[in-house]
Amino acid sequence: MSRQQGHKRTRLSRKGLALVATLALGAGAVAVVAQQASAGITSNDGASRAGNGTQVVTATIDCPDVGDRLTAVPDQARAAVDRNLADLDTQLADAYRDLATGRASEQALLGRLEQQRDGSIDRVADAIGDFARRPGELQQMSSCSISRTPADPADAAAPANGASAAPDDAGASTGDAAAQQQGTSERRSRGGPSRRDFVPITAVRPNVRRPALQAGASNGSLTVFCGRNENGHFNPDNVIVAPGVSNGAHHMHDYVGNLATDAFSSNDTLAAAGTTCSNGDRSTYYWPVLRLRDGRAERDVNAPGGGQDANVGTIQRPRQVTLQFKGSPVSGVTAMPRFLRIITGDAKAFTNGPGNANASWSCTGFENRQLKDKYPICPTGSDVVRTFTFQSCWDGRNIDSANHRTHVAFPDRGGRCANGFTAIPQLVQRIVYRVPAGSRIAVDSFPEQLHKPVTDHGDFINVMSNRLMDFAVRCINSGRACR
């Protein structure tokens, strides 16, 4: 999936398929079991129950997000900090796999995970302490918990969004081992996403509000055409959050723009690479792939970021990708610095909470109705739309920050940047999919995030030439729609 020649890649210990865990809560005992489509019945209280009367719940592991807590990391410590933060994600993914397969008791699993996290967090604090004040308070973030949610009774009978449940031997008729594993993956994954994660877009009230344009507003735009990833640029890396770490995302990313982007990219390699963008823009644009949970074996069914990390089903190529840079409703914009990095949304919003969630889901013809924590069920003839509206206020100094957030910000409800921040072109990514009627969709995610729509996110590295960025600023500030 990603370039491996000429690089020393970090080896991740991923030995199994981590998918949704369910726990049978019996009298005086807790056991981890794999959820089966035939195992649940609806009880009087609306909970899904196994045939022996025990309640079935979906479970995941909830750990404090250490990376999000960091606000200052010396440049000299960045590599060590990033490496250990990636180790925390791997430890959690491995623990979730053991939860899903019942390989360890809850107490033993959480105890082992706390011990592993304690060591990694200690190394993060030591790396920072070599050049600045040692953040000892991070050690309080070692402990994790198991979070449970009652299963939707309908999930025991069929996948969400009206699709038929995959048979127990899904894909086995082909005689293909990967297809057989895909069938197993589908059966185990029926708790994430849940039917509760879907809603008809026609049941959503219009909720889009845009600030009124003020005197001095910059209402032009630059649209960049970079294709729909026709060249098949996929990998489970994240060069912004986990540089130098293979499978740092634990889910597969779709890329357009820069052709060289993977975990080992540097500013120099990005600047020298080719691009899929028609105007020569070498910027990196990427987001988690969207899949159909259709019981078919995708080529990454046995790979890190794919089936090994609970991401299964057919990857959907977008029908349309629109990348547009817009202005400010209250002022002109200034140029982005080259190699500015921006992440919008939160890949861990299911366990972190929705504070940084930002991606929106909708349907063509209904885009005045946007969803953050639900997948849309679109009417006949309407396509699924994902929209990523990026932060458009910059601190004027940094191209990145320790938690990859504090160097940029969103404007207030009136469109104004906070003191100390200046307006820059706002990237809006609009991605459209033709989803077959009645299909179940799922965005790739970290295993423990259960493919919840609230975890959707977009990533961007500005590698425009100064000349192209200056052209974008002139177009936006003069009110022109440039292409």
Protein backbone atom coordinates (compact mmCIF):
# COMPACT_ATOMS: atom_id res chain seq x y z
CA MET A 1 0.00 0.00 0.00
CA SER A 2 2.75 2.47 0.89
CA ARG A 3 6.36 2.79 -0.21
CA GLN A 4 8.67 0.50 1.72
CA GLN A 5 11.92 0.46 -0.27
CA GLY A 6 14.78 2.50 1.17
CA HIS A 7 13.07 3.11 4.52
CA LYS A 8 13.41 1.56 7.94
CA ARG A 9 9.80 0.88 8.85
CA THR A 10 8.57 0.50 12.41
CA ARG A 11 7.27 -3.02 12.96
CA LEU A 12 3.89 -3.21 14.66
CA SER A 13 2.79 -6.29 16.57
CA ARG A 14 -0.57 -6.93 14.91
CA LYS A 15 -1.29 -10.66 15.02
CA GLY A 16 -5.04 -10.88 14.82
CA LEU A 17 -8.26 -9.37 13.65
CA ALA A 18 -9.68 -6.92 16.22
CA LEU A 19 -13.36 -6.36 15.67
CA VAL A 20 -16.39 -5.42 17.71
CA ALA A 21 -16.55 -7.09 21.10
CA THR A 22 -19.72 -8.09 22.87
CA LEU A 23 -20.01 -9.16 26.45
CA ALA A 24 -22.54 -11.60 27.84
CA LEU A 25 -23.45 -10.36 31.28
CA GLY A 26 -24.59 -13.40 33.22
CA ALA A 27 -25.20 -14.00 36.90
CA GLY A 28 -22.00 -13.22 38.72
CA ALA A 29 -19.74 -13.54 35.65
CA VAL A 30 -18.57 -11.49 32.70
CA ALA A 31 -17.34 -13.21 29.55
CA VAL A 32 -16.21 -11.76 26.25
CA VAL A 33 -17.92 -13.42 23.27
CA ALA A 34 -18.16 -12.81 19.55
CA GLN A 35 -21.57 -11.48 18.56
CA GLN A 36 -23.48 -13.74 16.16
CA ALA A 37 -26.37 -12.53 14.02
CA SER A 38 -28.55 -15.36 15.33
CA ALA A 39 -27.62 -14.90 18.99
CA GLY A 40 -29.80 -11.97 19.97
CA ILE A 41 -33.51 -11.58 20.66
CA THR A 42 -35.45 -8.51 21.68
CA SER A 43 -36.43 -8.43 25.34
CA ASN A 44 -39.19 -6.41 26.97
CA ASP A 45 -36.75 -3.65 27.91
CA GLY A 46 -35.59 -3.28 24.30
CA ALA A 47 -32.10 -4.64 24.93
CA SER A 48 -30.62 -7.30 22.72
CA ARG A 49 -30.32 -10.59 24.61
CA ALA A 50 -28.59 -13.85 23.84
CA GLY A 51 -30.55 -17.07 23.71
CA ASN A 52 -29.74 -17.85 27.36
CA GLY A 53 -31.32 -14.58 28.48
CA THR A 54 -28.11 -12.67 29.10
CA GLN A 55 -27.97 -9.12 27.84
CA VAL A 56 -25.65 -8.41 24.91
CA VAL A 57 -23.76 -5.14 24.83
CA THR A 58 -21.10 -3.69 22.58
CA ALA A 59 -17.87 -2.89 24.35
CA THR A 60 -14.78 -0.88 23.62
CA ILE A 61 -11.73 0.39 25.49
CA ASP A 62 -11.61 4.04 26.52
CA CYS A 63 -8.18 5.55 27.20
CA PRO A 64 -7.21 9.21 27.77
CA ASP A 65 -5.79 10.79 24.61
CA VAL A 66 -2.25 11.76 25.59
CA GLY A 67 -1.44 13.39 22.26
CA ASP A 68 -4.40 15.73 22.48
CA ARG A 69 -3.22 16.89 25.93
CA LEU A 70 0.20 17.99 24.69
CA THR A 71 0.42 21.69 23.88
CA ALA A 72 4.20 22.20 23.77
CA VAL A 73 6.86 19.76 22.63
CA PRO A 74 10.43 20.95 21.91
CA ASP A 75 11.44 20.33 18.31
CA GLN A 76 14.34 18.17 19.50
CA ALA A 77 11.90 15.83 21.28
CA ARG A 78 9.30 15.56 18.51
CA ALA A 79 10.54 12.30 16.96
CA ALA A 80 10.67 10.43 20.27
CA VAL A 81 7.30 11.80 21.36
CA ASP A 82 5.61 10.89 18.08
CA ARG A 83 7.06 7.38 18.19
CA ASN A 84 5.80 6.73 21.71
CA LEU A 85 2.37 8.21 20.98
CA ALA A 86 2.13 5.77 18.07
CA ASP A 87 3.07 2.97 20.48
CA LEU A 88 0.10 3.97 22.67
CA ASP A 89 -2.23 3.51 19.69
CA THR A 90 -0.73 0.10 18.92
CA GLN A 91 -1.07 -1.02 22.54
CA LEU A 92 -4.72 0.00 22.53
CA ALA A 93 -5.41 -1.74 19.22
CA ASP A 94 -3.83 -4.94 20.53
CA ALA A 95 -5.79 -4.75 23.78
CA TYR A 96 -9.02 -4.25 21.84
CA ARG A 97 -8.22 -7.35 19.78
CA ASP A 98 -7.85 -9.35 23.00
CA LEU A 99 -11.12 -7.92 24.30
CA ALA A 100 -12.87 -8.94 21.09
CA THR A 101 -11.50 -12.47 21.12
CA GLY A 102 -11.67 -13.09 24.88
CA ARG A 103 -7.96 -13.88 25.19
CA ALA A 104 -7.67 -12.20 28.58
CA SER A 105 -9.91 -11.30 31.49
CA GLU A 106 -10.94 -7.66 31.76
CA GLN A 107 -8.83 -7.14 34.85
CA ALA A 108 -5.73 -8.69 33.31
CA LEU A 109 -6.25 -6.85 30.01
CA LEU A 110 -6.61 -3.44 31.64
CA GLY A 111 -3.73 -4.09 34.01
CA ARG A 112 -1.39 -5.04 31.18
CA LEU A 113 -2.50 -2.06 29.11
CA GLU A 114 -1.93 0.35 32.02
CA GLN A 115 1.57 -1.03 32.52
CA GLN A 116 2.39 -0.64 28.81
CA ARG A 117 0.95 2.86 28.68
CA ASP A 118 2.79 3.87 31.83
CA GLY A 119 6.10 3.02 30.17
CA SER A 120 5.31 4.84 26.93
CA ILE A 121 3.98 7.92 28.71
CA ASP A 122 7.06 7.95 30.92
CA ARG A 123 9.23 7.98 27.80
CA VAL A 124 7.16 10.85 26.35
CA ALA A 125 7.67 12.86 29.54
CA ASP A 126 11.41 12.03 29.60
CA ALA A 127 11.85 13.13 25.98
CA ILE A 128 10.20 16.47 26.71
CA GLY A 129 12.06 16.79 30.01
CA ASP A 130 15.41 16.59 28.26
CA PHE A 131 14.74 20.03 26.74
CA ALA A 132 11.95 21.63 28.83
CA ARG A 133 9.88 21.10 31.98
CA ARG A 134 9.01 17.43 32.38
CA PRO A 135 5.19 17.06 32.22
CA GLY A 136 4.72 14.68 35.13
CA GLU A 137 0.95 15.13 35.03
CA LEU A 138 0.79 12.89 31.94
CA GLN A 139 1.35 9.84 34.14
CA GLN A 140 -2.21 10.19 35.40
CA MET A 141 -3.38 9.21 31.89
CA SER A 142 -2.16 5.61 31.99
CA SER A 143 -5.39 4.00 33.19
CA CYS A 144 -8.11 2.90 30.75
CA SER A 145 -11.61 1.54 31.18
CA ILE A 146 -13.99 -0.69 29.28
CA SER A 147 -17.02 1.17 28.00
CA ARG A 148 -20.25 -0.69 27.25
CA THR A 149 -23.32 0.23 25.24
CA PRO A 150 -26.48 -1.92 24.96
CA ALA A 151 -26.66 -3.40 21.48
CA ASP A 152 -29.45 -2.36 19.15
CA PRO A 153 -31.81 -5.37 18.84
CA ALA A 154 -31.94 -4.87 15.06
CA ASP A 155 -28.17 -5.33 14.83
CA ALA A 156 -28.56 -8.96 15.86
CA ALA A 157 -30.75 -9.61 12.85
CA ALA A 158 -29.19 -7.54 10.08
CA PRO A 159 -26.61 -4.85 9.42
CA ALA A 160 -27.51 -1.18 9.56
CA ASN A 161 -29.08 0.72 6.68
CA GLY A 162 -31.26 -2.16 5.57
CA ALA A 163 -28.65 -4.49 4.05
CA SER A 164 -28.97 -8.24 4.45
CA ALA A 165 -26.71 -9.91 6.97
CA ALA A 166 -23.63 -11.58 5.49
CA PRO A 167 -24.00 -15.38 5.67
CA ASP A 168 -21.72 -17.27 8.02
CA ASP A 169 -19.70 -18.54 5.07
CA ALA A 170 -19.68 -15.22 3.21
CA GLY A 171 -17.33 -15.51 0.26
CA ALA A 172 -16.53 -19.16 0.97
CA SER A 173 -18.07 -20.38 -2.30
CA THR A 174 -15.15 -18.87 -4.17
CA GLY A 175 -12.71 -21.08 -2.30
CA ASP A 176 -10.65 -18.02 -1.56
CA ALA A 177 -9.10 -17.94 1.93
CA ALA A 178 -9.17 -14.15 2.04
CA ALA A 179 -12.88 -14.17 1.24
CA GLN A 180 -13.49 -16.68 4.02
CA GLN A 181 -11.66 -14.45 6.47
CA GLN A 182 -13.72 -11.52 5.20
CA GLY A 183 -16.88 -13.44 6.05
CA THR A 184 -15.59 -14.01 9.57
CA SER A 185 -14.69 -10.34 9.81
CA GLU A 186 -18.18 -9.30 8.77
CA ARG A 187 -19.81 -11.53 11.37
CA ARG A 188 -17.63 -10.17 14.15
CA SER A 189 -18.08 -6.54 13.17
CA ARG A 190 -21.84 -6.24 13.48
CA GLY A 191 -21.68 -3.96 16.51
CA GLY A 192 -19.90 -1.16 14.73
CA PRO A 193 -21.41 0.80 13.24
CA SER A 194 -24.83 0.17 14.72
CA ARG A 195 -28.22 0.82 13.21
CA ARG A 196 -28.43 3.68 15.69
CA ASP A 197 -25.62 5.34 13.72
CA PHE A 198 -27.86 5.83 10.67
CA VAL A 199 -30.71 8.26 10.07
CA PRO A 200 -32.78 9.16 6.99
CA ILE A 201 -31.61 12.57 5.81
CA THR A 202 -35.24 13.47 5.16
CA ALA A 203 -35.85 13.24 8.93
CA VAL A 204 -33.20 15.90 9.63
CA ARG A 205 -34.21 19.55 9.77
CA PRO A 206 -32.15 22.15 7.87
CA ASN A 207 -29.35 23.18 10.22
CA VAL A 208 -26.71 24.98 8.14
CA ARG A 209 -26.00 28.54 9.20
CA ARG A 210 -23.53 30.80 7.43
CA PRO A 211 -22.36 34.19 8.73
CA ALA A 212 -23.54 37.22 6.76
CA LEU A 213 -20.89 38.90 4.62
CA GLN A 214 -19.52 42.08 6.13
CA ALA A 215 -17.75 45.01 4.52
CA GLY A 216 -14.27 43.88 3.52
CA ALA A 217 -15.28 40.23 3.16
CA SER A 218 -13.28 38.00 0.82
CA ASN A 219 -15.85 35.99 -1.12
CA GLY A 220 -13.75 34.60 -3.97
CA SER A 221 -12.46 31.04 -4.26
CA LEU A 222 -9.87 28.75 -5.82
CA THR A 223 -11.00 25.26 -6.86
CA VAL A 224 -8.30 22.62 -7.26
CA PHE A 225 -8.92 19.48 -9.34
CA CYS A 226 -6.90 16.51 -8.11
CA GLY A 227 -8.99 13.54 -9.22
CA ARG A 228 -10.66 10.78 -7.21
CA ASN A 229 -7.61 8.66 -6.36
CA GLU A 230 -7.80 6.85 -9.68
CA ASN A 231 -4.16 5.82 -9.20
CA GLY A 232 -4.99 3.84 -6.03
CA HIS A 233 -2.87 5.75 -3.51
CA PHE A 234 -3.80 4.10 -0.19
CA ASN A 235 -1.91 3.46 3.01
CA PRO A 236 -2.64 3.25 6.76
CA ASP A 237 -0.01 5.85 7.66
CA ASN A 238 -0.44 9.36 9.05
CA VAL A 239 2.59 11.51 8.37
CA ILE A 240 1.17 14.40 10.43
CA VAL A 241 0.36 12.53 13.64
CA ALA A 242 2.73 9.56 13.42
CA PRO A 243 5.66 10.44 11.13
CA GLY A 244 8.08 7.59 10.58
CA VAL A 245 5.63 4.93 11.81
CA SER A 246 4.14 2.38 9.42
CA ASN A 247 0.40 1.83 10.06
CA GLY A 248 0.34 4.80 12.41
CA ALA A 249 -3.34 5.40 11.61
CA HIS A 250 -4.59 1.80 12.00
CA HIS A 251 -7.04 2.58 9.20
CA MET A 252 -6.71 3.07 5.46
CA HIS A 253 -6.44 6.55 3.95
CA ASP A 254 -7.51 7.78 0.51
CA TYR A 255 -5.02 10.27 -1.02
CA VAL A 256 -5.20 12.83 -3.79
CA GLY A 257 -2.64 15.44 -4.73
CA ASN A 258 0.93 14.64 -3.70
CA LEU A 259 2.06 11.25 -5.03
CA ALA A 260 4.78 10.61 -2.44
CA THR A 261 2.80 10.87 0.79
CA ASP A 262 3.34 8.14 3.35
CA ALA A 263 4.63 7.91 6.92
CA PHE A 264 8.19 8.67 5.83
CA SER A 265 7.55 11.80 3.77
CA SER A 266 9.51 14.94 4.59
CA ASN A 267 8.96 18.49 3.45
CA ASP A 268 11.72 17.97 0.89
CA THR A 269 10.29 14.77 -0.56
CA LEU A 270 6.81 16.29 -0.74
CA ALA A 271 8.15 19.38 -2.52
CA ALA A 272 9.95 17.20 -5.09
CA ALA A 273 7.09 14.76 -5.75
CA GLY A 274 4.58 14.58 -8.56
CA THR A 275 0.91 15.37 -8.10
CA THR A 276 -2.52 14.41 -9.38
CA CYS A 277 -3.64 18.06 -9.27
CA SER A 278 -4.16 19.67 -12.67
CA ASN A 279 -2.65 23.04 -11.64
CA GLY A 280 0.57 21.60 -10.23
CA ASP A 281 -0.50 21.84 -6.59
CA ARG A 282 1.68 19.36 -4.67
CA SER A 283 -0.38 19.59 -1.49
CA THR A 284 -1.37 16.42 0.34
CA TYR A 285 -5.10 15.79 0.83
CA TYR A 286 -6.24 12.62 2.60
CA TRP A 287 -9.12 11.09 4.58
CA PRO A 288 -10.24 7.61 5.81
CA VAL A 289 -11.69 5.39 3.11
CA LEU A 290 -15.41 4.63 3.07
CA ARG A 291 -16.38 0.97 2.71
CA LEU A 292 -19.43 -1.08 1.91
CA ARG A 293 -19.99 -3.81 4.48
CA ASP A 294 -20.89 -6.21 1.69
CA GLY A 295 -19.17 -9.45 2.73
CA ARG A 296 -16.57 -9.13 -0.03
CA ALA A 297 -12.84 -9.52 0.46
CA GLU A 298 -10.99 -6.29 -0.26
CA ARG A 299 -7.31 -6.58 -1.13
CA ASP A 300 -6.32 -5.37 2.37
CA VAL A 301 -8.39 -8.01 4.18
CA ASN A 302 -5.23 -9.48 5.75
CA ALA A 303 -3.24 -6.25 5.96
CA PRO A 304 -2.46 -3.68 8.66
CA GLY A 305 -4.94 -0.84 8.45
CA GLY A 306 -7.39 -3.19 6.76
CA GLY A 307 -8.68 -6.48 8.15
CA GLN A 308 -5.98 -6.67 10.82
CA ASP A 309 -7.36 -3.44 12.28
CA ALA A 310 -11.08 -4.25 11.94
CA ASN A 311 -11.57 -2.36 8.66
CA VAL A 312 -13.35 -4.69 6.26
CA GLY A 313 -15.51 -4.43 3.16
CA THR A 314 -15.20 -2.96 -0.31
CA ILE A 315 -13.41 0.38 -0.51
CA GLN A 316 -15.52 2.93 -2.35
CA ARG A 317 -13.95 5.26 -4.87
CA PRO A 318 -15.55 8.70 -4.66
CA ARG A 319 -17.80 9.70 -7.51
CA GLN A 320 -16.59 13.27 -7.10
CA VAL A 321 -13.94 15.11 -5.06
CA THR A 322 -14.08 18.91 -4.84
CA LEU A 323 -11.26 20.83 -3.16
CA GLN A 324 -12.04 24.50 -2.73
CA PHE A 325 -10.29 27.31 -0.89
CA LYS A 326 -12.65 30.05 0.31
CA GLY A 327 -12.39 33.42 2.02
CA SER A 328 -13.55 35.09 5.22
CA PRO A 329 -16.98 36.70 5.66
CA VAL A 330 -15.44 39.64 7.54
CA SER A 331 -11.97 40.29 6.08
CA GLY A 332 -9.39 39.46 3.47
CA VAL A 333 -7.15 36.43 3.84
CA THR A 334 -3.37 36.11 3.97
CA ALA A 335 -1.26 33.36 2.45
CA MET A 336 -0.86 30.02 4.19
CA PRO A 337 2.77 29.18 4.96
CA ARG A 338 4.19 26.36 2.90
CA PHE A 339 4.06 22.97 4.69
CA LEU A 340 1.30 24.12 7.04
CA ARG A 341 -0.42 21.03 8.49
CA ILE A 342 -4.10 20.98 9.43
CA ILE A 343 -6.28 18.17 10.76
CA THR A 344 -10.02 18.70 11.01
CA GLY A 345 -12.21 16.36 13.03
CA ASP A 346 -11.08 13.79 15.59
CA ALA A 347 -10.29 10.15 14.74
CA LYS A 348 -10.95 9.26 18.40
CA ALA A 349 -14.13 11.25 18.94
CA PHE A 350 -16.14 8.17 19.98
CA THR A 351 -14.05 7.78 23.14
CA ASN A 352 -12.70 11.36 23.42
CA GLY A 353 -16.11 12.96 23.10
CA PRO A 354 -17.36 15.20 20.26
CA GLY A 355 -15.49 18.39 21.21
CA ASN A 356 -13.19 18.26 18.16
CA ALA A 357 -15.53 16.37 15.83
CA ASN A 358 -16.04 18.35 12.66
CA ALA A 359 -16.66 16.23 9.57
CA SER A 360 -20.21 16.43 8.20
CA TRP A 361 -22.37 13.82 6.48
CA SER A 362 -25.25 14.58 4.14
CA CYS A 363 -26.87 13.70 0.81
CA THR A 364 -26.94 15.48 -2.52
CA GLY A 365 -30.02 17.68 -2.71
CA PHE A 366 -30.12 17.92 1.09
CA GLU A 367 -26.84 19.63 1.95
CA ASN A 368 -28.57 22.25 4.07
CA ARG A 369 -28.89 19.34 6.54
CA GLN A 370 -25.57 18.19 7.98
CA LEU A 371 -24.83 15.35 10.44
CA LYS A 372 -21.76 14.86 12.63
CA ASP A 373 -22.62 11.74 14.61
CA LYS A 374 -24.84 9.84 12.15
CA TYR A 375 -24.49 8.32 8.72
CA PRO A 376 -27.18 9.55 6.31
CA ILE A 377 -29.67 7.25 4.61
CA CYS A 378 -30.19 8.98 1.29
CA PRO A 379 -33.38 8.76 -0.80
CA THR A 380 -33.34 7.17 -4.25
CA GLY A 381 -31.24 9.15 -6.68
CA SER A 382 -29.33 10.99 -3.94
CA ASP A 383 -25.65 10.36 -3.16
CA VAL A 384 -23.79 10.31 0.17
CA VAL A 385 -21.70 13.44 0.80
CA ARG A 386 -18.80 13.88 3.24
CA THR A 387 -17.69 17.46 3.89
CA PHE A 388 -14.55 18.58 5.71
CA THR A 389 -14.41 22.30 6.49
CA PHE A 390 -10.92 23.10 7.76
CA GLN A 391 -9.75 25.64 10.32
CA SER A 392 -9.17 29.03 8.70
CA CYS A 393 -7.42 31.05 11.44
CA TRP A 394 -3.64 30.73 11.82
CA ASP A 395 -1.40 31.82 14.70
CA GLY A 396 0.99 33.50 12.27
CA ARG A 397 4.04 31.52 13.46
CA ASN A 398 3.80 27.74 13.40
CA ILE A 399 3.18 25.21 10.63
CA ASP A 400 2.22 22.58 13.22
CA SER A 401 1.75 22.20 16.98
CA ALA A 402 2.28 19.46 19.53
CA ASN A 403 -1.34 18.31 19.43
CA HIS A 404 -1.73 19.36 15.76
CA ARG A 405 -4.55 21.74 16.72
CA THR A 406 -3.47 24.82 18.64
CA HIS A 407 -1.61 26.53 15.77
CA VAL A 408 -4.90 26.86 13.85
CA ALA A 409 -8.47 27.58 14.91
CA PHE A 410 -11.98 28.09 13.64
CA PRO A 411 -13.47 31.58 13.44
CA ASP A 412 -16.31 32.49 15.80
CA ARG A 413 -19.97 32.31 14.78
CA GLY A 414 -19.64 35.71 13.13
CA GLY A 415 -16.64 34.60 11.07
CA ARG A 416 -13.93 36.46 13.05
CA CYS A 417 -10.60 35.02 14.12
CA ALA A 418 -9.57 35.33 17.76
CA ASN A 419 -6.88 37.81 18.82
CA GLY A 420 -3.47 36.59 17.74
CA PHE A 421 -4.85 34.68 14.76
CA THR A 422 -5.19 35.79 11.16
CA ALA A 423 -7.57 34.61 8.43
CA ILE A 424 -6.13 32.26 5.81
CA PRO A 425 -7.86 30.53 2.86
CA GLN A 426 -10.32 27.98 4.19
CA LEU A 427 -10.10 24.52 2.63
CA VAL A 428 -13.43 22.78 2.10
CA GLN A 429 -13.29 19.18 0.89
CA ARG A 430 -16.51 17.73 -0.52
CA ILE A 431 -16.49 14.00 -1.33
CA VAL A 432 -19.47 12.33 -3.02
CA TYR A 433 -20.22 8.57 -3.17
CA ARG A 434 -22.79 6.61 -5.14
CA VAL A 435 -23.88 4.07 -2.51
CA PRO A 436 -26.11 1.19 -3.66
CA ALA A 437 -29.59 1.32 -2.14
CA GLY A 438 -29.88 -0.61 1.11
CA SER A 439 -26.11 -0.89 1.60
CA ARG A 440 -24.38 -0.61 4.93
CA ILE A 441 -21.48 1.84 4.92
CA ALA A 442 -18.66 2.34 7.41
CA VAL A 443 -15.79 4.79 7.59
CA ASP A 444 -12.40 3.30 8.46
CA SER A 445 -11.36 3.99 12.05
CA PHE A 446 -9.08 2.94 14.86
CA PRO A 447 -10.38 -0.51 15.95
CA GLU A 448 -11.73 0.65 19.30
CA GLN A 449 -13.64 3.55 17.69
CA LEU A 450 -16.12 1.08 16.12
CA HIS A 451 -16.41 2.92 12.78
CA LYS A 452 -18.61 5.60 14.28
CA PRO A 453 -19.37 8.47 11.87
CA VAL A 454 -18.35 11.03 14.51
CA THR A 455 -14.72 9.84 14.12
CA ASP A 456 -14.47 11.00 10.51
CA HIS A 457 -11.65 13.46 9.79
CA GLY A 458 -9.59 15.07 7.06
CA ASP A 459 -5.87 15.88 6.79
CA PHE A 460 -4.04 18.49 4.72
CA ILE A 461 -0.44 19.58 4.16
CA ASN A 462 -0.01 22.74 2.09
CA VAL A 463 2.68 22.15 -0.53
CA MET A 464 1.52 24.81 -2.97
CA SER A 465 4.28 26.89 -4.47
CA ASN A 466 4.40 30.46 -3.16
CA ARG A 467 3.31 31.63 -6.59
CA LEU A 468 0.21 29.40 -6.58
CA MET A 469 -0.69 30.37 -3.02
CA ASP A 470 -0.37 34.07 -3.89
CA PHE A 471 -2.67 33.47 -6.87
CA ALA A 472 -5.21 31.81 -4.56
CA VAL A 473 -5.11 34.76 -2.16
CA ARG A 474 -5.61 37.27 -4.99
CA CYS A 475 -8.59 35.31 -6.33
CA ILE A 476 -10.22 35.02 -2.93
CA ASN A 477 -9.67 38.62 -1.88
CA SER A 478 -10.86 40.03 -5.23
CA GLY A 479 -14.09 38.01 -5.24
CA ARG A 480 -13.19 35.88 -8.27
CA ALA A 481 -14.00 32.19 -8.70
CA CYS A 482 -10.72 30.79 -10.00
CA ARG A 483 -9.84 27.31 -11.23
